[in-house]
Amino acid sequence: MWSLPRSRSSSSSSSSQSDGGEKRQQQREISVNIGGVRLALRPELLNRYPESRLAELANCPARSFDLISSLCDDYDPCRREFYFDRDPDSFKCIVEVYYFGEVHMKRGICPICFIKEMEFWKIDLSYLDECCKSNLSEKEEELAEIADKVRLLLDDLDGLDGEPEGPRRWQKMVWRFMEKPESSLAARVVAVISFLFILISSVVMCLGTIPDLQVEDSEGNRSEHPTLDAIETVCIGWFTVEFVLRLGSAPSKVRFVLSFMNAVDFLAIMPFYVVLTLTYLGTAMMELADVQQAVQALRIMRVARVFKLARHSSGLQTLTYALKRSFKELGLLLMYMGVGIFVFSALGYTMEQSHPETLFRSIPQSFWWAIITMTTVGYGDIYPKTTLGRCNAAISFLCGVIAIALPIHPIINNFVIYYNKQKVLETAARHELELMELQSLEQTPGGAPRKLDATWDGTVRPSRSDTHIPLLTAAHGTVAKKRSVS
């Protein structure tokens, strides 16, 4: 809409008023310089969060230099510009809280460092968006795992120098000897021998079931060959000594008993002694046939010793942890298969009832046919004979392939992600340990590393780099084995 032209006097007065308003607004604005990035902010915008650092700066009197210097790194009173030696990328995300009421963390920024920036600018963590909080929780879990690995590495490096003479020292020495193959050459040799005993006992258990290698006793019953029985006894003796030493030297007996792998070790040796007891003492309490049935049932439990291989295989341990993290996908797979088995077994039973020579006698019996069909096994003991039944079998076969294939890919991804994550965490833990060692050493004038003076309290201080782990603030004691710094 057009308007009448203003007079020169009115225009000059209005322009002078606008210039004065702009000058007053510029005088009220504060300028912040974050790592070389300059930004002008209005006080009324900053006062939306009066407890933040920028709001306190905006409300500071111009002559309160002590208060201003406590809130920023440097200050230019002429330009009213505040300088901060902070991360500008993080500040660009944090300043959004004054405009939008929430903070979003950009990709590529370390969550832990970002939280420290928010604490510096006095912005509450509740303003962080939910998606960013999930990333922060994942990062904290990773740092907790790195801290645990660093503690394990420090335990391996500590040795026995700080332990006084006595039972405690011998207990720790036996525990390191049996549980940590990397601690010494002898411990590594013992781990290899234990691995060979597991393989030998598993092979002997399989060979003992071959009829040609069995012998007949005085009553005509077939039993294991005496040579295989002697090898089995030697293996069980080794497993028993190993288990007793580990149990006696364990720092926490309760944690040792509740461990899954220790339970497997106990189940691997327990059947031998139970069978031995029933053989020599059980005949007086029960019939010989009952004793033999109990012995055969307990011998099957010897299969548990195969799981002892997981103790010496990091790959099997990774597979176990990956399956634990894939319970949701495994449950989805079982649900798909359960629904398909129920539906197709009921259809197969209904469609096959018209045939006189039907093999589908009931729906529960049809469950077996649906299982072997959907899992693409197909033994051939039960099969449809009508046209509709065969069509139902074809559809069940295709649905079974799809139902199995869908959750398998996430399970494989979980395994790969967990395996790569463990490698990264181990590398990060060793890197953190090297930084801690560098901080616990001082360079002599000649360049050789030396230990800190006697006034040092002996605490390994964590590094203050981007990989700093807050969980290690009260870290382990002095590292006994120091690697030389080149």
Protein backbone atom coordinates (compact mmCIF):
# COMPACT_ATOMS: atom_id res chain seq x y z
CA MET A 1 0.00 0.00 0.00
CA TRP A 2 1.40 3.35 -0.94
CA SER A 3 1.86 6.07 1.66
CA LEU A 4 2.31 9.87 1.52
CA PRO A 5 5.88 11.13 1.35
CA ARG A 6 7.21 12.37 4.65
CA SER A 7 8.76 15.76 5.15
CA ARG A 8 12.48 16.13 5.39
CA SER A 9 12.34 17.16 9.01
CA SER A 10 10.17 14.23 10.01
CA SER A 11 12.34 11.79 8.09
CA SER A 12 15.48 13.13 9.67
CA SER A 13 13.99 12.88 13.14
CA SER A 14 12.75 9.33 12.57
CA SER A 15 16.13 8.24 11.21
CA SER A 16 17.87 9.73 14.21
CA GLN A 17 15.47 7.85 16.52
CA SER A 18 16.10 4.57 14.72
CA ASP A 19 19.85 5.12 14.85
CA GLY A 20 19.61 5.84 18.54
CA GLY A 21 17.54 2.68 19.06
CA GLU A 22 20.06 0.60 17.16
CA LYS A 23 22.89 2.07 19.21
CA ARG A 24 21.08 1.34 22.45
CA GLN A 25 20.39 -2.22 21.25
CA GLN A 26 24.04 -2.67 20.30
CA GLN A 27 25.07 -1.38 23.70
CA ARG A 28 22.77 -3.88 25.38
CA GLU A 29 23.99 -6.85 23.30
CA ILE A 30 26.95 -8.86 24.43
CA SER A 31 29.47 -10.47 22.11
CA VAL A 32 30.98 -13.86 22.87
CA ASN A 33 34.02 -15.22 21.10
CA ILE A 34 34.15 -19.02 21.32
CA GLY A 35 37.41 -20.34 19.93
CA GLY A 36 37.48 -17.65 17.23
CA VAL A 37 33.75 -17.80 16.40
CA ARG A 38 32.02 -14.51 17.30
CA LEU A 39 28.33 -14.30 18.16
CA ALA A 40 26.13 -11.41 19.37
CA LEU A 41 23.39 -12.26 21.88
CA ARG A 42 20.63 -10.17 23.44
CA PRO A 43 20.31 -10.15 27.25
CA GLU A 44 16.54 -10.77 27.18
CA LEU A 45 17.24 -13.95 25.21
CA LEU A 46 19.86 -15.11 27.68
CA ASN A 47 17.67 -14.32 30.69
CA ARG A 48 15.33 -17.13 29.69
CA TYR A 49 17.78 -19.29 31.63
CA PRO A 50 19.11 -16.97 34.35
CA GLU A 51 21.29 -19.65 35.98
CA SER A 52 23.37 -20.17 32.82
CA ARG A 53 26.87 -18.72 32.49
CA LEU A 54 25.96 -16.35 29.63
CA ALA A 55 22.99 -14.95 31.59
CA GLU A 56 25.27 -14.23 34.53
CA LEU A 57 27.69 -12.43 32.20
CA ALA A 58 24.89 -10.38 30.65
CA ASN A 59 23.72 -9.23 34.10
CA CYS A 60 27.21 -8.46 35.43
CA PRO A 61 28.01 -4.79 36.06
CA ALA A 62 30.56 -3.41 33.62
CA ARG A 63 33.03 -2.58 36.41
CA SER A 64 32.93 -6.00 38.14
CA PHE A 65 36.14 -7.24 36.55
CA ASP A 66 36.75 -9.91 39.18
CA LEU A 67 33.33 -11.45 38.67
CA ILE A 68 33.65 -11.26 34.88
CA SER A 69 37.10 -12.85 34.90
CA SER A 70 35.72 -15.75 36.95
CA LEU A 71 33.09 -16.42 34.29
CA CYS A 72 35.18 -16.10 31.12
CA ASP A 73 38.78 -16.44 29.97
CA ASP A 74 39.23 -12.84 28.77
CA TYR A 75 37.18 -9.65 28.39
CA ASP A 76 37.35 -6.56 26.16
CA PRO A 77 35.44 -3.75 27.95
CA CYS A 78 35.54 -1.40 24.96
CA ARG A 79 33.80 -3.83 22.62
CA ARG A 80 32.06 -5.64 25.51
CA GLU A 81 33.26 -8.93 24.08
CA PHE A 82 33.85 -12.04 26.18
CA TYR A 83 36.42 -14.64 25.14
CA PHE A 84 36.17 -18.36 25.86
CA ASP A 85 38.72 -21.03 25.03
CA ARG A 86 36.05 -23.69 24.42
CA ASP A 87 34.86 -25.89 21.57
CA PRO A 88 32.89 -23.74 19.06
CA ASP A 89 31.11 -26.74 17.51
CA SER A 90 29.68 -27.78 20.86
CA PHE A 91 28.69 -24.19 21.65
CA LYS A 92 26.72 -23.94 18.39
CA CYS A 93 24.60 -26.85 19.64
CA ILE A 94 24.29 -25.59 23.22
CA VAL A 95 23.22 -22.06 22.25
CA GLU A 96 20.11 -23.54 20.62
CA VAL A 97 18.58 -23.92 24.07
CA TYR A 98 18.04 -20.14 24.21
CA TYR A 99 16.10 -20.22 20.93
CA PHE A 100 14.29 -23.58 20.92
CA GLY A 101 14.34 -24.73 24.54
CA GLU A 102 16.30 -27.96 23.85
CA VAL A 103 19.77 -29.05 22.86
CA HIS A 104 20.66 -31.38 19.98
CA MET A 105 24.12 -32.90 19.75
CA LYS A 106 25.57 -33.06 16.24
CA ARG A 107 27.27 -36.10 14.81
CA GLY A 108 31.00 -36.37 15.34
CA ILE A 109 31.00 -34.74 18.79
CA CYS A 110 32.12 -36.86 21.70
CA PRO A 111 29.11 -37.24 24.06
CA ILE A 112 31.27 -37.11 27.19
CA CYS A 113 33.03 -33.92 26.05
CA PHE A 114 29.66 -32.44 25.09
CA ILE A 115 28.31 -33.08 28.58
CA LYS A 116 31.36 -31.30 30.03
CA GLU A 117 30.64 -28.34 27.76
CA MET A 118 27.03 -28.21 28.97
CA GLU A 119 28.25 -28.28 32.56
CA PHE A 120 30.65 -25.41 31.80
CA TRP A 121 27.88 -23.26 30.27
CA LYS A 122 25.64 -24.25 33.22
CA ILE A 123 22.92 -25.76 31.07
CA ASP A 124 20.99 -28.55 32.78
CA LEU A 125 21.17 -31.99 31.17
CA SER A 126 17.38 -32.22 31.17
CA TYR A 127 17.34 -29.91 28.12
CA LEU A 128 19.24 -32.53 26.10
CA ASP A 129 17.03 -34.28 23.56
CA GLU A 130 16.04 -37.91 24.18
CA CYS A 131 17.86 -39.22 21.11
CA CYS A 132 21.07 -37.59 22.32
CA LYS A 133 20.58 -39.03 25.81
CA SER A 134 20.49 -42.54 24.32
CA ASN A 135 23.82 -41.89 22.58
CA LEU A 136 25.22 -40.64 25.86
CA SER A 137 24.12 -43.77 27.73
CA GLU A 138 25.74 -45.98 25.08
CA LYS A 139 28.98 -44.01 25.36
CA GLU A 140 28.93 -44.30 29.15
CA GLU A 141 28.53 -48.08 28.86
CA GLU A 142 31.52 -48.23 26.51
CA LEU A 143 33.61 -46.16 28.92
CA ALA A 144 32.59 -48.43 31.79
CA GLU A 145 33.75 -51.45 29.77
CA ILE A 146 37.02 -49.69 28.93
CA ALA A 147 37.51 -48.92 32.63
CA ASP A 148 36.99 -52.59 33.49
CA LYS A 149 39.51 -53.66 30.85
CA VAL A 150 42.01 -51.08 32.13
CA ARG A 151 41.63 -52.46 35.65
CA LEU A 152 42.23 -55.98 34.35
CA LEU A 153 45.34 -54.82 32.52
CA LEU A 154 46.56 -53.04 35.65
CA ASP A 155 46.00 -56.21 37.66
CA ASP A 156 48.13 -58.12 35.15
CA LEU A 157 50.88 -55.50 35.34
CA ASP A 158 50.86 -55.18 39.12
CA GLY A 159 52.56 -58.50 39.72
CA LEU A 160 53.26 -59.65 43.28
CA ASP A 161 55.80 -57.02 44.34
CA GLY A 162 53.33 -55.18 46.56
CA GLU A 163 52.04 -58.30 48.30
CA PRO A 164 53.63 -59.27 51.62
CA GLU A 165 54.85 -62.76 52.27
CA GLY A 166 52.16 -65.14 53.44
CA PRO A 167 49.07 -67.08 52.32
CA ARG A 168 47.62 -64.04 50.59
CA ARG A 169 50.62 -63.80 48.27
CA TRP A 170 50.49 -67.50 47.41
CA GLN A 171 46.75 -67.31 46.78
CA LYS A 172 47.18 -64.45 44.32
CA MET A 173 50.09 -66.20 42.64
CA VAL A 174 48.08 -69.41 42.12
CA TRP A 175 45.08 -67.44 40.84
CA ARG A 176 47.19 -65.59 38.27
CA PHE A 177 48.84 -68.87 37.31
CA MET A 178 45.52 -70.64 36.67
CA GLU A 179 43.34 -67.79 35.36
CA LYS A 180 45.67 -65.51 33.39
CA PRO A 181 47.65 -67.39 30.72
CA GLU A 182 49.25 -64.16 29.51
CA SER A 183 50.81 -63.46 32.92
CA SER A 184 53.78 -65.82 32.41
CA LEU A 185 55.20 -68.52 30.15
CA ALA A 186 54.39 -71.28 32.66
CA ALA A 187 50.76 -70.13 32.89
CA ARG A 188 50.52 -70.21 29.10
CA VAL A 189 51.90 -73.75 29.04
CA VAL A 190 49.36 -74.85 31.64
CA ALA A 191 46.54 -73.34 29.58
CA VAL A 192 47.70 -75.25 26.49
CA ILE A 193 47.92 -78.51 28.47
CA SER A 194 44.41 -77.96 29.84
CA PHE A 195 43.13 -77.38 26.32
CA LEU A 196 44.75 -80.64 25.15
CA PHE A 197 43.22 -82.56 28.05
CA ILE A 198 39.78 -81.28 27.08
CA LEU A 199 40.28 -82.48 23.50
CA ILE A 200 41.63 -85.87 24.60
CA SER A 201 38.78 -86.49 27.03
CA SER A 202 36.21 -85.56 24.40
CA VAL A 203 37.79 -87.92 21.85
CA VAL A 204 38.00 -90.73 24.42
CA MET A 205 34.33 -90.26 25.28
CA CYS A 206 33.41 -90.68 21.60
CA LEU A 207 35.73 -93.67 21.05
CA GLY A 208 34.30 -95.43 24.09
CA THR A 209 30.94 -95.81 22.35
CA ILE A 210 32.36 -97.79 19.39
CA PRO A 211 31.36 -101.47 19.83
CA ASP A 212 34.66 -102.77 18.40
CA LEU A 213 36.59 -100.92 21.11
CA GLN A 214 34.44 -102.19 23.96
CA VAL A 215 35.06 -105.30 26.06
CA GLU A 216 32.73 -107.71 27.83
CA ASP A 217 32.84 -108.23 31.57
CA SER A 218 32.23 -111.48 33.45
CA GLU A 219 28.45 -111.02 33.21
CA GLY A 220 28.46 -110.40 29.46
CA ASN A 221 27.83 -106.66 29.65
CA ARG A 222 29.82 -104.44 27.31
CA SER A 223 31.92 -101.71 28.89
CA GLU A 224 34.67 -99.29 27.88
CA HIS A 225 38.14 -100.54 27.09
CA PRO A 226 40.50 -100.42 30.11
CA THR A 227 42.98 -98.24 28.22
CA LEU A 228 40.32 -95.65 27.42
CA ASP A 229 39.09 -95.88 30.99
CA ALA A 230 42.61 -95.15 32.26
CA ILE A 231 42.98 -92.14 29.96
CA GLU A 232 39.59 -90.90 31.18
CA THR A 233 40.76 -91.22 34.80
CA VAL A 234 43.93 -89.22 34.11
CA CYS A 235 41.92 -86.45 32.41
CA ILE A 236 39.45 -86.29 35.29
CA GLY A 237 42.37 -86.11 37.72
CA TRP A 238 43.76 -83.11 35.85
CA PHE A 239 40.36 -81.39 35.77
CA THR A 240 39.90 -82.03 39.49
CA VAL A 241 43.27 -80.57 40.46
CA GLU A 242 42.65 -77.57 38.21
CA PHE A 243 39.19 -76.94 39.68
CA VAL A 244 40.37 -77.29 43.29
CA LEU A 245 43.29 -74.89 42.74
CA ARG A 246 41.08 -72.31 41.10
CA LEU A 247 38.44 -72.63 43.82
CA GLY A 248 40.98 -72.36 46.62
CA SER A 249 42.72 -69.31 45.13
CA ALA A 250 39.59 -67.46 43.99
CA PRO A 251 39.37 -63.93 45.48
CA SER A 252 35.58 -64.27 45.84
CA LYS A 253 34.27 -67.78 46.45
CA VAL A 254 30.63 -66.74 45.95
CA ARG A 255 31.32 -65.19 42.57
CA PHE A 256 33.36 -68.22 41.60
CA VAL A 257 30.54 -70.63 42.45
CA LEU A 258 27.91 -68.56 40.64
CA SER A 259 29.96 -68.31 37.44
CA PHE A 260 28.53 -70.26 34.49
CA MET A 261 31.89 -71.54 33.25
CA ASN A 262 32.80 -72.77 36.73
CA ALA A 263 29.48 -74.60 36.90
CA VAL A 264 30.39 -76.25 33.58
CA ASP A 265 33.75 -77.32 35.03
CA PHE A 266 31.99 -78.85 38.03
CA LEU A 267 29.51 -80.74 35.84
CA ALA A 268 32.40 -82.08 33.76
CA ILE A 269 34.04 -83.84 36.72
CA MET A 270 31.05 -84.60 38.95
CA PRO A 271 29.67 -87.60 36.95
CA PHE A 272 32.96 -89.50 37.27
CA TYR A 273 32.91 -89.45 41.07
CA VAL A 274 29.18 -90.14 41.26
CA VAL A 275 29.60 -93.16 38.97
CA LEU A 276 32.56 -94.29 41.05
CA THR A 277 30.49 -94.03 44.22
CA LEU A 278 27.51 -95.87 42.74
CA THR A 279 29.70 -98.61 41.36
CA TYR A 280 31.39 -99.47 44.65
CA LEU A 281 28.72 -98.49 47.17
CA GLY A 282 25.43 -98.38 45.28
CA THR A 283 24.98 -102.13 44.87
CA ALA A 284 24.23 -102.46 48.59
CA MET A 285 21.44 -99.87 48.44
CA MET A 286 19.65 -100.60 45.16
CA GLU A 287 19.34 -103.14 42.42
CA LEU A 288 22.20 -103.59 39.97
CA ALA A 289 19.97 -102.67 37.02
CA ASP A 290 19.05 -99.36 38.65
CA VAL A 291 22.71 -98.65 39.30
CA GLN A 292 23.60 -99.29 35.68
CA GLN A 293 20.80 -96.99 34.47
CA ALA A 294 22.00 -94.23 36.79
CA VAL A 295 25.57 -94.74 35.59
CA GLN A 296 24.52 -94.48 31.94
CA ALA A 297 22.53 -91.31 32.63
CA LEU A 298 25.48 -89.70 34.40
CA ARG A 299 27.90 -90.66 31.66
CA ILE A 300 25.85 -88.57 29.25
CA MET A 301 26.64 -85.53 31.40
CA ARG A 302 30.27 -85.85 30.35
CA VAL A 303 29.27 -83.94 27.22
CA ALA A 304 29.43 -80.79 29.39
CA ARG A 305 33.22 -80.86 29.28
CA VAL A 306 33.07 -79.77 25.63
CA PHE A 307 31.86 -76.39 26.88
CA LYS A 308 35.16 -76.03 28.73
CA LEU A 309 36.65 -75.08 25.36
CA ALA A 310 34.89 -71.73 25.67
CA ARG A 311 37.29 -70.85 28.50
CA HIS A 312 40.22 -70.97 26.08
CA SER A 313 38.46 -69.54 22.99
CA SER A 314 37.67 -65.84 22.72
CA GLY A 315 35.58 -66.57 19.61
CA LEU A 316 33.21 -68.86 21.52
CA GLN A 317 32.94 -66.29 24.30
CA THR A 318 32.08 -63.60 21.76
CA LEU A 319 29.43 -65.88 20.24
CA THR A 320 27.91 -66.46 23.68
CA TYR A 321 27.72 -62.74 24.45
CA ALA A 322 26.31 -62.00 20.99
CA LEU A 323 23.54 -64.57 21.52
CA LYS A 324 22.75 -62.98 24.88
CA ARG A 325 22.33 -59.64 23.14
CA SER A 326 20.12 -61.25 20.47
CA PHE A 327 17.40 -62.58 22.77
CA LYS A 328 14.86 -60.31 21.13
CA GLU A 329 15.65 -61.60 17.63
CA LEU A 330 15.75 -65.20 18.84
CA GLY A 331 12.39 -64.76 20.53
CA LEU A 332 11.00 -63.30 17.30
CA LEU A 333 12.29 -66.33 15.40
CA LEU A 334 10.70 -68.75 17.85
CA MET A 335 7.41 -66.85 17.69
CA TYR A 336 7.36 -66.98 13.86
CA MET A 337 8.16 -70.68 13.88
CA GLY A 338 5.64 -71.45 16.63
CA VAL A 339 2.79 -69.72 14.83
CA GLY A 340 3.71 -71.35 11.50
CA ILE A 341 4.01 -74.83 13.05
CA PHE A 342 0.62 -74.57 14.70
CA VAL A 343 -1.15 -73.24 11.59
CA PHE A 344 0.36 -75.60 9.01
CA SER A 345 0.10 -78.69 11.22
CA ALA A 346 -3.62 -78.01 11.74
CA LEU A 347 -4.13 -77.45 7.99
CA GLY A 348 -2.15 -80.57 7.14
CA TYR A 349 -4.18 -82.71 9.55
CA THR A 350 -7.47 -81.35 8.14
CA MET A 351 -6.48 -81.83 4.48
CA GLU A 352 -5.11 -85.34 4.96
CA GLN A 353 -8.14 -86.78 6.78
CA SER A 354 -9.86 -87.74 3.52
CA HIS A 355 -7.03 -90.06 2.45
CA PRO A 356 -7.40 -93.68 3.66
CA GLU A 357 -3.67 -94.15 4.23
CA THR A 358 -3.05 -90.84 5.93
CA LEU A 359 0.01 -90.44 8.16
CA PHE A 360 -1.44 -87.48 10.03
CA ARG A 361 -3.15 -89.18 12.97
CA SER A 362 -3.52 -86.06 15.15
CA ILE A 363 -2.55 -82.40 15.28
CA PRO A 364 0.18 -82.94 17.92
CA GLN A 365 1.67 -85.66 15.67
CA SER A 366 1.48 -83.18 12.78
CA PHE A 367 3.68 -80.78 14.78
CA TRP A 368 6.67 -82.99 14.00
CA TRP A 369 5.91 -82.85 10.26
CA ALA A 370 5.54 -79.04 10.40
CA ILE A 371 8.85 -78.66 12.27
CA ILE A 372 10.93 -80.74 9.85
CA THR A 373 9.21 -79.10 6.86
CA MET A 374 9.57 -75.47 7.94
CA THR A 375 13.21 -76.02 8.95
CA THR A 376 13.89 -77.64 5.51
CA VAL A 377 15.01 -80.94 7.08
CA GLY A 378 12.39 -83.30 5.69
CA TYR A 379 13.13 -86.79 7.07
CA GLY A 380 10.37 -88.36 4.98
CA ASP A 381 8.76 -90.36 7.81
CA ILE A 382 5.60 -88.24 7.56
CA TYR A 383 4.52 -86.72 4.26
CA PRO A 384 1.22 -85.58 2.67
CA LYS A 385 -0.52 -87.73 0.05
CA THR A 386 -3.32 -85.46 -1.14
CA THR A 387 -3.01 -82.56 -3.58
CA LEU A 388 -4.15 -79.99 -1.03
CA GLY A 389 -1.78 -81.43 1.53
CA ARG A 390 1.15 -81.09 -0.85
CA CYS A 391 0.21 -77.49 -1.62
CA ASN A 392 0.09 -76.84 2.12
CA ALA A 393 3.55 -78.43 2.46
CA ALA A 394 4.97 -76.21 -0.29
CA ILE A 395 3.58 -73.06 1.33
CA SER A 396 4.87 -74.13 4.76
CA PHE A 397 8.33 -74.76 3.27
CA LEU A 398 8.47 -71.25 1.76
CA CYS A 399 7.16 -69.61 4.93
CA GLY A 400 9.72 -71.51 7.00
CA VAL A 401 12.59 -70.26 4.82
CA ILE A 402 11.36 -66.68 5.14
CA ALA A 403 10.73 -66.96 8.88
CA ILE A 404 14.25 -68.28 9.50
CA ALA A 405 15.98 -65.84 7.16
CA LEU A 406 14.42 -62.64 8.54
CA PRO A 407 15.87 -62.66 12.11
CA ILE A 408 19.17 -64.30 11.14
CA HIS A 409 20.65 -61.14 9.61
CA PRO A 410 20.24 -59.02 12.80
CA ILE A 411 21.78 -61.84 14.85
CA ILE A 412 24.82 -61.93 12.54
CA ASN A 413 25.07 -58.15 12.72
CA ASN A 414 25.01 -58.30 16.52
CA PHE A 415 27.87 -60.80 16.44
CA VAL A 416 29.97 -58.66 14.07
CA ILE A 417 29.23 -55.44 15.96
CA TYR A 418 30.05 -56.99 19.33
CA TYR A 419 33.26 -58.58 18.02
CA ASN A 420 34.47 -55.32 16.48
CA LYS A 421 33.43 -53.42 19.59
CA GLN A 422 35.49 -55.70 21.81
CA LYS A 423 38.55 -55.15 19.62
CA VAL A 424 38.06 -51.37 19.74
CA LEU A 425 37.54 -51.40 23.50
CA GLU A 426 40.67 -53.45 24.05
CA THR A 427 42.70 -51.05 21.89
CA ALA A 428 41.23 -48.05 23.72
CA ALA A 429 41.99 -49.63 27.09
CA ARG A 430 45.62 -50.21 26.16
CA HIS A 431 45.85 -46.65 24.83
CA GLU A 432 44.45 -45.31 28.11
CA LEU A 433 46.91 -47.46 30.03
CA GLU A 434 49.83 -46.06 28.03
CA LEU A 435 48.67 -42.51 28.75
CA MET A 436 48.43 -43.31 32.44
CA GLU A 437 51.94 -44.75 32.41
CA LEU A 438 53.28 -41.65 30.66
CA GLN A 439 51.74 -39.43 33.32
CA SER A 440 53.15 -41.57 36.13
CA LEU A 441 56.73 -41.15 34.82
CA GLU A 442 59.00 -38.13 34.65
CA GLN A 443 61.78 -37.55 32.18
CA THR A 444 65.26 -37.11 33.60
CA PRO A 445 67.57 -34.45 32.05
CA GLY A 446 69.22 -37.22 30.07
CA GLY A 447 65.90 -38.36 28.64
CA ALA A 448 65.57 -41.66 30.55
CA PRO A 449 62.29 -42.30 32.32
CA ARG A 450 62.30 -42.36 36.10
CA LYS A 451 59.69 -42.82 38.75
CA LEU A 452 58.12 -39.87 40.54
CA ASP A 453 59.61 -38.68 43.80
CA ALA A 454 58.82 -40.08 47.21
CA THR A 455 56.18 -37.43 47.91
CA TRP A 456 54.01 -38.85 45.17
CA ASP A 457 51.01 -40.68 46.68
CA GLY A 458 51.34 -43.64 44.31
CA THR A 459 48.00 -43.16 42.57
CA VAL A 460 47.90 -43.57 38.81
CA ARG A 461 46.17 -40.50 37.48
CA PRO A 462 43.94 -40.87 34.43
CA SER A 463 44.64 -38.93 31.28
CA ARG A 464 42.81 -35.68 30.59
CA SER A 465 42.56 -36.17 26.85
CA ASP A 466 39.40 -36.73 24.83
CA THR A 467 39.53 -40.39 25.89
CA HIS A 468 39.52 -39.54 29.60
CA ILE A 469 37.56 -42.10 31.62
CA PRO A 470 35.89 -40.57 34.69
CA LEU A 471 35.45 -44.04 36.18
CA LEU A 472 39.21 -44.26 36.64
CA THR A 473 39.53 -41.12 38.77
CA ALA A 474 40.17 -43.31 41.78
CA ALA A 475 42.23 -45.70 39.76
CA HIS A 476 44.44 -48.62 40.57
CA GLY A 477 47.70 -48.44 42.47
CA THR A 478 51.17 -48.00 41.07
CA VAL A 479 51.97 -50.02 37.98
CA ALA A 480 54.81 -52.34 38.87
CA LYS A 481 55.95 -53.18 35.37
CA LYS A 482 56.70 -49.91 33.56
CA ARG A 483 57.36 -49.86 29.86
CA SER A 484 60.21 -47.59 28.87
CA VAL A 485 59.33 -44.35 27.09
CA SER A 486 61.41 -43.85 24.00
